[in-house]
mmCIF file of all heavy atoms, coordinates in Angstrom:
data_MODEL
# 
_entry.id   MODEL 
# 
loop_
_atom_site.group_PDB 
_atom_site.id 
_atom_site.type_symbol 
_atom_site.label_atom_id 
_atom_site.label_alt_id 
_atom_site.label_comp_id 
_atom_site.label_asym_id 
_atom_site.label_entity_id 
_atom_site.label_seq_id 
_atom_site.pdbx_PDB_ins_code 
_atom_site.Cartn_x 
_atom_site.Cartn_y 
_atom_site.Cartn_z 
_atom_site.occupancy 
_atom_site.B_iso_or_equiv 
_atom_site.pdbx_formal_charge 
_atom_site.auth_seq_id 
_atom_site.auth_comp_id 
_atom_site.auth_asym_id 
_atom_site.auth_atom_id 
_atom_site.pdbx_PDB_model_num 
ATOM 1   N N   . THR A 1 1  ? 45.560 -35.348 15.936 1.00 0.00 ? 1  THR A N   1 
ATOM 2   C CA  . THR A 1 1  ? 46.398 -35.885 14.808 1.00 0.00 ? 1  THR A CA  1 
ATOM 3   C C   . THR A 1 1  ? 47.669 -35.106 14.614 1.00 0.00 ? 1  THR A C   1 
ATOM 4   O O   . THR A 1 1  ? 48.663 -35.592 14.067 1.00 0.00 ? 1  THR A O   1 
ATOM 5   C CB  . THR A 1 1  ? 45.596 -35.883 13.512 1.00 0.00 ? 1  THR A CB  1 
ATOM 6   O OG1 . THR A 1 1  ? 45.177 -34.504 13.162 1.00 0.00 ? 1  THR A OG1 1 
ATOM 7   C CG2 . THR A 1 1  ? 44.354 -36.744 13.620 1.00 0.00 ? 1  THR A CG2 1 
ATOM 8   N N   . GLY A 1 2  ? 47.672 -33.807 15.026 1.00 0.00 ? 2  GLY A N   1 
ATOM 9   C CA  . GLY A 1 2  ? 48.799 -32.957 14.855 1.00 0.00 ? 2  GLY A CA  1 
ATOM 10  C C   . GLY A 1 2  ? 49.044 -32.545 13.398 1.00 0.00 ? 2  GLY A C   1 
ATOM 11  O O   . GLY A 1 2  ? 50.098 -32.042 13.034 1.00 0.00 ? 2  GLY A O   1 
ATOM 12  N N   . LEU A 1 3  ? 47.997 -32.690 12.560 1.00 0.00 ? 3  LEU A N   1 
ATOM 13  C CA  . LEU A 1 3  ? 48.101 -32.380 11.161 1.00 0.00 ? 3  LEU A CA  1 
ATOM 14  C C   . LEU A 1 3  ? 47.683 -30.960 10.858 1.00 0.00 ? 3  LEU A C   1 
ATOM 15  O O   . LEU A 1 3  ? 46.944 -30.340 11.636 1.00 0.00 ? 3  LEU A O   1 
ATOM 16  C CB  . LEU A 1 3  ? 47.245 -33.364 10.322 1.00 0.00 ? 3  LEU A CB  1 
ATOM 17  C CG  . LEU A 1 3  ? 47.707 -34.821 10.333 1.00 0.00 ? 3  LEU A CG  1 
ATOM 18  C CD1 . LEU A 1 3  ? 46.685 -35.714 9.714  1.00 0.00 ? 3  LEU A CD1 1 
ATOM 19  C CD2 . LEU A 1 3  ? 49.055 -34.956 9.679  1.00 0.00 ? 3  LEU A CD2 1 
ATOM 20  N N   . ILE A 1 4  ? 48.140 -30.440 9.707  1.00 0.00 ? 4  ILE A N   1 
ATOM 21  C CA  . ILE A 1 4  ? 47.785 -29.087 9.288  1.00 0.00 ? 4  ILE A CA  1 
ATOM 22  C C   . ILE A 1 4  ? 46.384 -29.050 8.754  1.00 0.00 ? 4  ILE A C   1 
ATOM 23  O O   . ILE A 1 4  ? 45.966 -29.897 7.957  1.00 0.00 ? 4  ILE A O   1 
ATOM 24  C CB  . ILE A 1 4  ? 48.743 -28.624 8.186  1.00 0.00 ? 4  ILE A CB  1 
ATOM 25  C CG1 . ILE A 1 4  ? 50.185 -28.591 8.685  1.00 0.00 ? 4  ILE A CG1 1 
ATOM 26  C CG2 . ILE A 1 4  ? 48.324 -27.215 7.661  1.00 0.00 ? 4  ILE A CG2 1 
ATOM 27  C CD1 . ILE A 1 4  ? 50.450 -27.683 9.872  1.00 0.00 ? 4  ILE A CD1 1 
ATOM 28  N N   . LEU A 1 5  ? 45.595 -28.095 9.251  1.00 0.00 ? 5  LEU A N   1 
ATOM 29  C CA  . LEU A 1 5  ? 44.310 -27.767 8.643  1.00 0.00 ? 5  LEU A CA  1 
ATOM 30  C C   . LEU A 1 5  ? 44.321 -26.247 8.337  1.00 0.00 ? 5  LEU A C   1 
ATOM 31  O O   . LEU A 1 5  ? 44.601 -25.438 9.237  1.00 0.00 ? 5  LEU A O   1 
ATOM 32  C CB  . LEU A 1 5  ? 43.139 -28.105 9.546  1.00 0.00 ? 5  LEU A CB  1 
ATOM 33  C CG  . LEU A 1 5  ? 41.763 -27.794 8.868  1.00 0.00 ? 5  LEU A CG  1 
ATOM 34  C CD1 . LEU A 1 5  ? 40.752 -28.941 9.085  1.00 0.00 ? 5  LEU A CD1 1 
ATOM 35  C CD2 . LEU A 1 5  ? 41.158 -26.464 9.301  1.00 0.00 ? 5  LEU A CD2 1 
ATOM 36  N N   . GLN A 1 6  ? 44.073 -25.930 7.108  1.00 0.00 ? 6  GLN A N   1 
ATOM 37  C CA  . GLN A 1 6  ? 44.032 -24.523 6.699  1.00 0.00 ? 6  GLN A CA  1 
ATOM 38  C C   . GLN A 1 6  ? 42.632 -24.229 6.122  1.00 0.00 ? 6  GLN A C   1 
ATOM 39  O O   . GLN A 1 6  ? 42.054 -25.039 5.373  1.00 0.00 ? 6  GLN A O   1 
ATOM 40  C CB  . GLN A 1 6  ? 45.078 -24.233 5.634  1.00 0.00 ? 6  GLN A CB  1 
ATOM 41  C CG  . GLN A 1 6  ? 45.115 -22.740 5.193  1.00 0.00 ? 6  GLN A CG  1 
ATOM 42  C CD  . GLN A 1 6  ? 46.344 -22.493 4.325  1.00 0.00 ? 6  GLN A CD  1 
ATOM 43  O OE1 . GLN A 1 6  ? 47.481 -22.793 4.718  1.00 0.00 ? 6  GLN A OE1 1 
ATOM 44  N NE2 . GLN A 1 6  ? 46.134 -21.919 3.147  1.00 0.00 ? 6  GLN A NE2 1 
ATOM 45  N N   . VAL A 1 7  ? 42.098 -23.084 6.482  1.00 0.00 ? 7  VAL A N   1 
ATOM 46  C CA  . VAL A 1 7  ? 40.742 -22.680 5.999  1.00 0.00 ? 7  VAL A CA  1 
ATOM 47  C C   . VAL A 1 7  ? 40.926 -21.796 4.783  1.00 0.00 ? 7  VAL A C   1 
ATOM 48  O O   . VAL A 1 7  ? 41.806 -20.946 4.720  1.00 0.00 ? 7  VAL A O   1 
ATOM 49  C CB  . VAL A 1 7  ? 39.998 -21.934 7.117  1.00 0.00 ? 7  VAL A CB  1 
ATOM 50  C CG1 . VAL A 1 7  ? 38.515 -21.723 6.692  1.00 0.00 ? 7  VAL A CG1 1 
ATOM 51  C CG2 . VAL A 1 7  ? 40.058 -22.652 8.412  1.00 0.00 ? 7  VAL A CG2 1 
ATOM 52  N N   . GLY A 1 8  ? 40.031 -21.999 3.794  1.00 0.00 ? 8  GLY A N   1 
ATOM 53  C CA  . GLY A 1 8  ? 40.124 -21.285 2.542  1.00 0.00 ? 8  GLY A CA  1 
ATOM 54  C C   . GLY A 1 8  ? 39.735 -19.830 2.569  1.00 0.00 ? 8  GLY A C   1 
ATOM 55  O O   . GLY A 1 8  ? 39.004 -19.395 1.658  1.00 0.00 ? 8  GLY A O   1 
ATOM 56  N N   . HIS A 1 9  ? 40.186 -19.068 3.547  1.00 0.00 ? 9  HIS A N   1 
ATOM 57  C CA  . HIS A 1 9  ? 39.997 -17.634 3.578  1.00 0.00 ? 9  HIS A CA  1 
ATOM 58  C C   . HIS A 1 9  ? 41.093 -17.020 2.682  1.00 0.00 ? 9  HIS A C   1 
ATOM 59  O O   . HIS A 1 9  ? 42.093 -16.502 3.152  1.00 0.00 ? 9  HIS A O   1 
ATOM 60  C CB  . HIS A 1 9  ? 40.080 -17.093 5.020  1.00 0.00 ? 9  HIS A CB  1 
ATOM 61  C CG  . HIS A 1 9  ? 38.897 -17.471 5.857  1.00 0.00 ? 9  HIS A CG  1 
ATOM 62  N ND1 . HIS A 1 9  ? 37.618 -17.011 5.547  1.00 0.00 ? 9  HIS A ND1 1 
ATOM 63  C CD2 . HIS A 1 9  ? 38.767 -18.202 6.955  1.00 0.00 ? 9  HIS A CD2 1 
ATOM 64  C CE1 . HIS A 1 9  ? 36.794 -17.455 6.468  1.00 0.00 ? 9  HIS A CE1 1 
ATOM 65  N NE2 . HIS A 1 9  ? 37.435 -18.182 7.324  1.00 0.00 ? 9  HIS A NE2 1 
ATOM 66  N N   . MET A 1 10 ? 40.896 -17.096 1.368  1.00 0.00 ? 10 MET A N   1 
ATOM 67  C CA  . MET A 1 10 ? 41.917 -16.796 0.422  1.00 0.00 ? 10 MET A CA  1 
ATOM 68  C C   . MET A 1 10 ? 42.309 -15.344 0.395  1.00 0.00 ? 10 MET A C   1 
ATOM 69  O O   . MET A 1 10 ? 43.355 -14.959 -0.120 1.00 0.00 ? 10 MET A O   1 
ATOM 70  C CB  . MET A 1 10 ? 41.517 -17.300 -0.981 1.00 0.00 ? 10 MET A CB  1 
ATOM 71  C CG  . MET A 1 10 ? 40.655 -16.398 -1.792 1.00 0.00 ? 10 MET A CG  1 
ATOM 72  S SD  . MET A 1 10 ? 38.980 -16.214 -1.076 1.00 0.00 ? 10 MET A SD  1 
ATOM 73  C CE  . MET A 1 10 ? 38.335 -14.970 -2.246 1.00 0.00 ? 10 MET A CE  1 
ATOM 74  N N   . LYS A 1 11 ? 41.437 -14.448 0.964  1.00 0.00 ? 11 LYS A N   1 
ATOM 75  C CA  . LYS A 1 11 ? 41.758 -13.022 0.914  1.00 0.00 ? 11 LYS A CA  1 
ATOM 76  C C   . LYS A 1 11 ? 43.020 -12.710 1.735  1.00 0.00 ? 11 LYS A C   1 
ATOM 77  O O   . LYS A 1 11 ? 43.648 -11.674 1.538  1.00 0.00 ? 11 LYS A O   1 
ATOM 78  C CB  . LYS A 1 11 ? 40.552 -12.194 1.405  1.00 0.00 ? 11 LYS A CB  1 
ATOM 79  C CG  . LYS A 1 11 ? 39.387 -12.217 0.471  1.00 0.00 ? 11 LYS A CG  1 
ATOM 80  C CD  . LYS A 1 11 ? 38.200 -11.426 1.024  1.00 0.00 ? 11 LYS A CD  1 
ATOM 81  C CE  . LYS A 1 11 ? 36.980 -11.621 0.128  1.00 0.00 ? 11 LYS A CE  1 
ATOM 82  N NZ  . LYS A 1 11 ? 37.123 -10.934 -1.186 1.00 0.00 ? 11 LYS A NZ  1 
ATOM 83  N N   . ARG A 1 12 ? 43.408 -13.626 2.631  1.00 0.00 ? 12 ARG A N   1 
ATOM 84  C CA  . ARG A 1 12 ? 44.671 -13.436 3.370  1.00 0.00 ? 12 ARG A CA  1 
ATOM 85  C C   . ARG A 1 12 ? 45.879 -13.505 2.417  1.00 0.00 ? 12 ARG A C   1 
ATOM 86  O O   . ARG A 1 12 ? 46.996 -13.169 2.798  1.00 0.00 ? 12 ARG A O   1 
ATOM 87  C CB  . ARG A 1 12 ? 44.800 -14.497 4.468  1.00 0.00 ? 12 ARG A CB  1 
ATOM 88  C CG  . ARG A 1 12 ? 43.779 -14.333 5.603  1.00 0.00 ? 12 ARG A CG  1 
ATOM 89  C CD  . ARG A 1 12 ? 44.037 -15.336 6.702  1.00 0.00 ? 12 ARG A CD  1 
ATOM 90  N NE  . ARG A 1 12 ? 43.095 -15.130 7.860  1.00 0.00 ? 12 ARG A NE  1 
ATOM 91  C CZ  . ARG A 1 12 ? 43.474 -15.198 9.081  1.00 0.00 ? 12 ARG A CZ  1 
ATOM 92  N NH1 . ARG A 1 12 ? 44.729 -15.455 9.437  1.00 0.00 ? 12 ARG A NH1 1 
ATOM 93  N NH2 . ARG A 1 12 ? 42.575 -15.015 10.047 1.00 0.00 ? 12 ARG A NH2 1 
ATOM 94  N N   . PHE A 1 13 ? 45.675 -14.035 1.216  1.00 0.00 ? 13 PHE A N   1 
ATOM 95  C CA  . PHE A 1 13 ? 46.736 -14.135 0.212  1.00 0.00 ? 13 PHE A CA  1 
ATOM 96  C C   . PHE A 1 13 ? 46.601 -13.140 -0.900 1.00 0.00 ? 13 PHE A C   1 
ATOM 97  O O   . PHE A 1 13 ? 47.202 -13.256 -1.949 1.00 0.00 ? 13 PHE A O   1 
ATOM 98  C CB  . PHE A 1 13 ? 46.764 -15.584 -0.338 1.00 0.00 ? 13 PHE A CB  1 
ATOM 99  C CG  . PHE A 1 13 ? 47.206 -16.561 0.721  1.00 0.00 ? 13 PHE A CG  1 
ATOM 100 C CD1 . PHE A 1 13 ? 46.282 -17.160 1.570  1.00 0.00 ? 13 PHE A CD1 1 
ATOM 101 C CD2 . PHE A 1 13 ? 48.529 -16.919 0.856  1.00 0.00 ? 13 PHE A CD2 1 
ATOM 102 C CE1 . PHE A 1 13 ? 46.670 -18.066 2.543  1.00 0.00 ? 13 PHE A CE1 1 
ATOM 103 C CE2 . PHE A 1 13 ? 48.957 -17.857 1.812  1.00 0.00 ? 13 PHE A CE2 1 
ATOM 104 C CZ  . PHE A 1 13 ? 47.993 -18.420 2.645  1.00 0.00 ? 13 PHE A CZ  1 
ATOM 105 N N   . ASP A 1 14 ? 45.755 -12.128 -0.667 1.00 0.00 ? 14 ASP A N   1 
ATOM 106 C CA  . ASP A 1 14 ? 45.623 -10.984 -1.585 1.00 0.00 ? 14 ASP A CA  1 
ATOM 107 C C   . ASP A 1 14 ? 46.868 -10.092 -1.334 1.00 0.00 ? 14 ASP A C   1 
ATOM 108 O O   . ASP A 1 14 ? 47.082 -9.649  -0.192 1.00 0.00 ? 14 ASP A O   1 
ATOM 109 C CB  . ASP A 1 14 ? 44.355 -10.219 -1.221 1.00 0.00 ? 14 ASP A CB  1 
ATOM 110 C CG  . ASP A 1 14 ? 44.141 -8.962  -2.060 1.00 0.00 ? 14 ASP A CG  1 
ATOM 111 O OD1 . ASP A 1 14 ? 45.132 -8.292  -2.411 1.00 0.00 ? 14 ASP A OD1 1 
ATOM 112 O OD2 . ASP A 1 14 ? 42.945 -8.610  -2.301 1.00 0.00 ? 14 ASP A OD2 1 
ATOM 113 N N   . PRO A 1 15 ? 47.738 -9.870  -2.306 1.00 0.00 ? 15 PRO A N   1 
ATOM 114 C CA  . PRO A 1 15 ? 48.939 -9.085  -2.057 1.00 0.00 ? 15 PRO A CA  1 
ATOM 115 C C   . PRO A 1 15 ? 48.726 -7.705  -1.490 1.00 0.00 ? 15 PRO A C   1 
ATOM 116 O O   . PRO A 1 15 ? 49.528 -7.214  -0.696 1.00 0.00 ? 15 PRO A O   1 
ATOM 117 C CB  . PRO A 1 15 ? 49.594 -8.996  -3.457 1.00 0.00 ? 15 PRO A CB  1 
ATOM 118 C CG  . PRO A 1 15 ? 49.111 -10.172 -4.189 1.00 0.00 ? 15 PRO A CG  1 
ATOM 119 C CD  . PRO A 1 15 ? 47.676 -10.385 -3.713 1.00 0.00 ? 15 PRO A CD  1 
ATOM 120 N N   . GLY A 1 16 ? 47.604 -7.079  -1.852 1.00 0.00 ? 16 GLY A N   1 
ATOM 121 C CA  . GLY A 1 16 ? 47.281 -5.794  -1.245 1.00 0.00 ? 16 GLY A CA  1 
ATOM 122 C C   . GLY A 1 16 ? 47.001 -5.889  0.232  1.00 0.00 ? 16 GLY A C   1 
ATOM 123 O O   . GLY A 1 16 ? 47.520 -5.086  1.040  1.00 0.00 ? 16 GLY A O   1 
ATOM 124 N N   . LEU A 1 17 ? 46.230 -6.912  0.626  1.00 0.00 ? 17 LEU A N   1 
ATOM 125 C CA  . LEU A 1 17 ? 45.952 -7.091  2.058  1.00 0.00 ? 17 LEU A CA  1 
ATOM 126 C C   . LEU A 1 17 ? 47.187 -7.553  2.818  1.00 0.00 ? 17 LEU A C   1 
ATOM 127 O O   . LEU A 1 17 ? 47.371 -7.205  3.980  1.00 0.00 ? 17 LEU A O   1 
ATOM 128 C CB  . LEU A 1 17 ? 44.790 -8.077  2.255  1.00 0.00 ? 17 LEU A CB  1 
ATOM 129 C CG  . LEU A 1 17 ? 43.464 -7.663  1.669  1.00 0.00 ? 17 LEU A CG  1 
ATOM 130 C CD1 . LEU A 1 17 ? 42.357 -8.588  2.177  1.00 0.00 ? 17 LEU A CD1 1 
ATOM 131 C CD2 . LEU A 1 17 ? 43.071 -6.217  1.969  1.00 0.00 ? 17 LEU A CD2 1 
ATOM 132 N N   . GLU A 1 18 ? 48.019 -8.326  2.163  1.00 0.00 ? 18 GLU A N   1 
ATOM 133 C CA  . GLU A 1 18 ? 49.294 -8.723  2.777  1.00 0.00 ? 18 GLU A CA  1 
ATOM 134 C C   . GLU A 1 18 ? 50.178 -7.503  3.057  1.00 0.00 ? 18 GLU A C   1 
ATOM 135 O O   . GLU A 1 18 ? 50.778 -7.405  4.159  1.00 0.00 ? 18 GLU A O   1 
ATOM 136 C CB  . GLU A 1 18 ? 50.034 -9.689  1.862  1.00 0.00 ? 18 GLU A CB  1 
ATOM 137 C CG  . GLU A 1 18 ? 49.442 -11.087 1.802  1.00 0.00 ? 18 GLU A CG  1 
ATOM 138 C CD  . GLU A 1 18 ? 50.175 -12.010 0.868  1.00 0.00 ? 18 GLU A CD  1 
ATOM 139 O OE1 . GLU A 1 18 ? 50.619 -11.553 -0.223 1.00 0.00 ? 18 GLU A OE1 1 
ATOM 140 O OE2 . GLU A 1 18 ? 50.347 -13.190 1.186  1.00 0.00 ? 18 GLU A OE2 1 
ATOM 141 N N   . ALA A 1 19 ? 50.192 -6.555  2.128  1.00 0.00 ? 19 ALA A N   1 
ATOM 142 C CA  . ALA A 1 19 ? 50.983 -5.308  2.351  1.00 0.00 ? 19 ALA A CA  1 
ATOM 143 C C   . ALA A 1 19 ? 50.394 -4.518  3.506  1.00 0.00 ? 19 ALA A C   1 
ATOM 144 O O   . ALA A 1 19 ? 51.113 -3.922  4.298  1.00 0.00 ? 19 ALA A O   1 
ATOM 145 C CB  . ALA A 1 19 ? 51.001 -4.483  1.084  1.00 0.00 ? 19 ALA A CB  1 
ATOM 146 N N   . ALA A 1 20 ? 49.033 -4.459  3.570  1.00 0.00 ? 20 ALA A N   1 
ATOM 147 C CA  . ALA A 1 20 ? 48.371 -3.774  4.675  1.00 0.00 ? 20 ALA A CA  1 
ATOM 148 C C   . ALA A 1 20 ? 48.764 -4.405  6.009  1.00 0.00 ? 20 ALA A C   1 
ATOM 149 O O   . ALA A 1 20 ? 49.085 -3.695  6.985  1.00 0.00 ? 20 ALA A O   1 
ATOM 150 C CB  . ALA A 1 20 ? 46.878 -3.777  4.459  1.00 0.00 ? 20 ALA A CB  1 
ATOM 151 N N   . GLU A 1 21 ? 48.663 -5.715  6.061  1.00 0.00 ? 21 GLU A N   1 
ATOM 152 C CA  . GLU A 1 21 ? 48.965 -6.420  7.318  1.00 0.00 ? 21 GLU A CA  1 
ATOM 153 C C   . GLU A 1 21 ? 50.436 -6.231  7.740  1.00 0.00 ? 21 GLU A C   1 
ATOM 154 O O   . GLU A 1 21 ? 50.738 -6.086  8.918  1.00 0.00 ? 21 GLU A O   1 
ATOM 155 C CB  . GLU A 1 21 ? 48.635 -7.898  7.158  1.00 0.00 ? 21 GLU A CB  1 
ATOM 156 C CG  . GLU A 1 21 ? 48.524 -8.692  8.433  1.00 0.00 ? 21 GLU A CG  1 
ATOM 157 C CD  . GLU A 1 21 ? 49.785 -9.351  8.851  1.00 0.00 ? 21 GLU A CD  1 
ATOM 158 O OE1 . GLU A 1 21 ? 50.710 -9.475  8.000  1.00 0.00 ? 21 GLU A OE1 1 
ATOM 159 O OE2 . GLU A 1 21 ? 49.918 -9.778  10.039 1.00 0.00 ? 21 GLU A OE2 1 
ATOM 160 N N   . LYS A 1 22 ? 51.344 -6.200  6.766  1.00 0.00 ? 22 LYS A N   1 
ATOM 161 C CA  . LYS A 1 22 ? 52.737 -5.939  7.071  1.00 0.00 ? 22 LYS A CA  1 
ATOM 162 C C   . LYS A 1 22 ? 52.946 -4.543  7.683  1.00 0.00 ? 22 LYS A C   1 
ATOM 163 O O   . LYS A 1 22 ? 53.714 -4.387  8.642  1.00 0.00 ? 22 LYS A O   1 
ATOM 164 C CB  . LYS A 1 22 ? 53.606 -6.109  5.811  1.00 0.00 ? 22 LYS A CB  1 
ATOM 165 C CG  . LYS A 1 22 ? 55.088 -5.918  6.057  1.00 0.00 ? 22 LYS A CG  1 
ATOM 166 C CD  . LYS A 1 22 ? 55.897 -6.119  4.761  1.00 0.00 ? 22 LYS A CD  1 
ATOM 167 C CE  . LYS A 1 22 ? 57.378 -5.897  5.030  1.00 0.00 ? 22 LYS A CE  1 
ATOM 168 N NZ  . LYS A 1 22 ? 58.158 -6.092  3.778  1.00 0.00 ? 22 LYS A NZ  1 
ATOM 169 N N   . PHE A 1 23 ? 52.272 -3.550  7.107  1.00 0.00 ? 23 PHE A N   1 
ATOM 170 C CA  . PHE A 1 23 ? 52.361 -2.190  7.660  1.00 0.00 ? 23 PHE A CA  1 
ATOM 171 C C   . PHE A 1 23 ? 51.826 -2.140  9.063  1.00 0.00 ? 23 PHE A C   1 
ATOM 172 O O   . PHE A 1 23 ? 52.386 -1.499  9.954  1.00 0.00 ? 23 PHE A O   1 
ATOM 173 C CB  . PHE A 1 23 ? 51.579 -1.239  6.760  1.00 0.00 ? 23 PHE A CB  1 
ATOM 174 C CG  . PHE A 1 23 ? 51.627 0.231   7.225  1.00 0.00 ? 23 PHE A CG  1 
ATOM 175 C CD1 . PHE A 1 23 ? 52.772 0.985   7.042  1.00 0.00 ? 23 PHE A CD1 1 
ATOM 176 C CD2 . PHE A 1 23 ? 50.521 0.797   7.830  1.00 0.00 ? 23 PHE A CD2 1 
ATOM 177 C CE1 . PHE A 1 23 ? 52.798 2.300   7.485  1.00 0.00 ? 23 PHE A CE1 1 
ATOM 178 C CE2 . PHE A 1 23 ? 50.559 2.127   8.259  1.00 0.00 ? 23 PHE A CE2 1 
ATOM 179 C CZ  . PHE A 1 23 ? 51.723 2.848   8.064  1.00 0.00 ? 23 PHE A CZ  1 
ATOM 180 N N   . ILE A 1 24 ? 50.721 -2.869  9.334  1.00 0.00 ? 24 ILE A N   1 
ATOM 181 C CA  . ILE A 1 24 ? 50.132 -2.929  10.672 1.00 0.00 ? 24 ILE A CA  1 
ATOM 182 C C   . ILE A 1 24 ? 51.172 -3.495  11.655 1.00 0.00 ? 24 ILE A C   1 
ATOM 183 O O   . ILE A 1 24 ? 51.342 -2.938  12.760 1.00 0.00 ? 24 ILE A O   1 
ATOM 184 C CB  . ILE A 1 24 ? 48.852 -3.756  10.638 1.00 0.00 ? 24 ILE A CB  1 
ATOM 185 C CG1 . ILE A 1 24 ? 47.772 -3.037  9.900  1.00 0.00 ? 24 ILE A CG1 1 
ATOM 186 C CG2 . ILE A 1 24 ? 48.394 -4.107  12.075 1.00 0.00 ? 24 ILE A CG2 1 
ATOM 187 C CD1 . ILE A 1 24 ? 46.554 -3.935  9.573  1.00 0.00 ? 24 ILE A CD1 1 
ATOM 188 N N   . GLN A 1 25 ? 51.838 -4.524  11.236 1.00 0.00 ? 25 GLN A N   1 
ATOM 189 C CA  . GLN A 1 25 ? 52.772 -5.227  12.156 1.00 0.00 ? 25 GLN A CA  1 
ATOM 190 C C   . GLN A 1 25 ? 54.059 -4.479  12.376 1.00 0.00 ? 25 GLN A C   1 
ATOM 191 O O   . GLN A 1 25 ? 54.703 -4.608  13.444 1.00 0.00 ? 25 GLN A O   1 
ATOM 192 C CB  . GLN A 1 25 ? 53.057 -6.651  11.613 1.00 0.00 ? 25 GLN A CB  1 
ATOM 193 C CG  . GLN A 1 25 ? 51.865 -7.575  11.545 1.00 0.00 ? 25 GLN A CG  1 
ATOM 194 C CD  . GLN A 1 25 ? 51.217 -7.828  12.881 1.00 0.00 ? 25 GLN A CD  1 
ATOM 195 O OE1 . GLN A 1 25 ? 51.920 -7.894  13.891 1.00 0.00 ? 25 GLN A OE1 1 
ATOM 196 N NE2 . GLN A 1 25 ? 49.885 -7.953  12.887 1.00 0.00 ? 25 GLN A NE2 1 
ATOM 197 N N   . THR A 1 26 ? 54.477 -3.719  11.384 1.00 0.00 ? 26 THR A N   1 
ATOM 198 C CA  . THR A 1 26 ? 55.848 -3.110  11.450 1.00 0.00 ? 26 THR A CA  1 
ATOM 199 C C   . THR A 1 26 ? 55.889 -1.600  11.709 1.00 0.00 ? 26 THR A C   1 
ATOM 200 O O   . THR A 1 26 ? 56.878 -1.102  12.227 1.00 0.00 ? 26 THR A O   1 
ATOM 201 C CB  . THR A 1 26 ? 56.607 -3.406  10.174 1.00 0.00 ? 26 THR A CB  1 
ATOM 202 O OG1 . THR A 1 26 ? 55.937 -2.828  9.050  1.00 0.00 ? 26 THR A OG1 1 
ATOM 203 C CG2 . THR A 1 26 ? 56.746 -4.901  9.953  1.00 0.00 ? 26 THR A CG2 1 
ATOM 204 N N   . GLU A 1 27 ? 54.790 -0.905  11.337 1.00 0.00 ? 27 GLU A N   1 
ATOM 205 C CA  . GLU A 1 27 ? 54.918 0.580   11.356 1.00 0.00 ? 27 GLU A CA  1 
ATOM 206 C C   . GLU A 1 27 ? 53.733 1.306   11.938 1.00 0.00 ? 27 GLU A C   1 
ATOM 207 O O   . GLU A 1 27 ? 53.883 2.409   12.474 1.00 0.00 ? 27 GLU A O   1 
ATOM 208 C CB  . GLU A 1 27 ? 55.199 1.065   9.943  1.00 0.00 ? 27 GLU A CB  1 
ATOM 209 C CG  . GLU A 1 27 ? 55.580 2.559   9.883  1.00 0.00 ? 27 GLU A CG  1 
ATOM 210 C CD  . GLU A 1 27 ? 55.964 3.002   8.484  1.00 0.00 ? 27 GLU A CD  1 
ATOM 211 O OE1 . GLU A 1 27 ? 56.414 2.151   7.689  1.00 0.00 ? 27 GLU A OE1 1 
ATOM 212 O OE2 . GLU A 1 27 ? 55.847 4.218   8.211  1.00 0.00 ? 27 GLU A OE2 1 
ATOM 213 N N   . MET A 1 28 ? 52.534 0.754   11.859 1.00 0.00 ? 28 MET A N   1 
ATOM 214 C CA  . MET A 1 28 ? 51.343 1.514   12.195 1.00 0.00 ? 28 MET A CA  1 
ATOM 215 C C   . MET A 1 28 ? 51.293 1.892   13.652 1.00 0.00 ? 28 MET A C   1 
ATOM 216 O O   . MET A 1 28 ? 50.719 2.930   14.058 1.00 0.00 ? 28 MET A O   1 
ATOM 217 C CB  . MET A 1 28 ? 50.106 0.741   11.820 1.00 0.00 ? 28 MET A CB  1 
ATOM 218 C CG  . MET A 1 28 ? 48.796 1.429   12.205 1.00 0.00 ? 28 MET A CG  1 
ATOM 219 S SD  . MET A 1 28 ? 47.314 0.656   11.518 1.00 0.00 ? 28 MET A SD  1 
ATOM 220 C CE  . MET A 1 28 ? 47.146 1.586   10.020 1.00 0.00 ? 28 MET A CE  1 
ATOM 221 N N   . GLY A 1 29 ? 51.896 1.104   14.554 1.00 0.00 ? 29 GLY A N   1 
ATOM 222 C CA  . GLY A 1 29 ? 51.784 1.368   15.982 1.00 0.00 ? 29 GLY A CA  1 
ATOM 223 C C   . GLY A 1 29 ? 50.396 0.965   16.484 1.00 0.00 ? 29 GLY A C   1 
ATOM 224 O O   . GLY A 1 29 ? 49.781 0.027   15.953 1.00 0.00 ? 29 GLY A O   1 
# 
């Protein structure tokens, strides 16, 4: 169908975990 399906793993939208993931991607090495 080519349609969007998103799973309700809402912790990915926890601002604390978002900050952690950003540090992983940009600085942690």
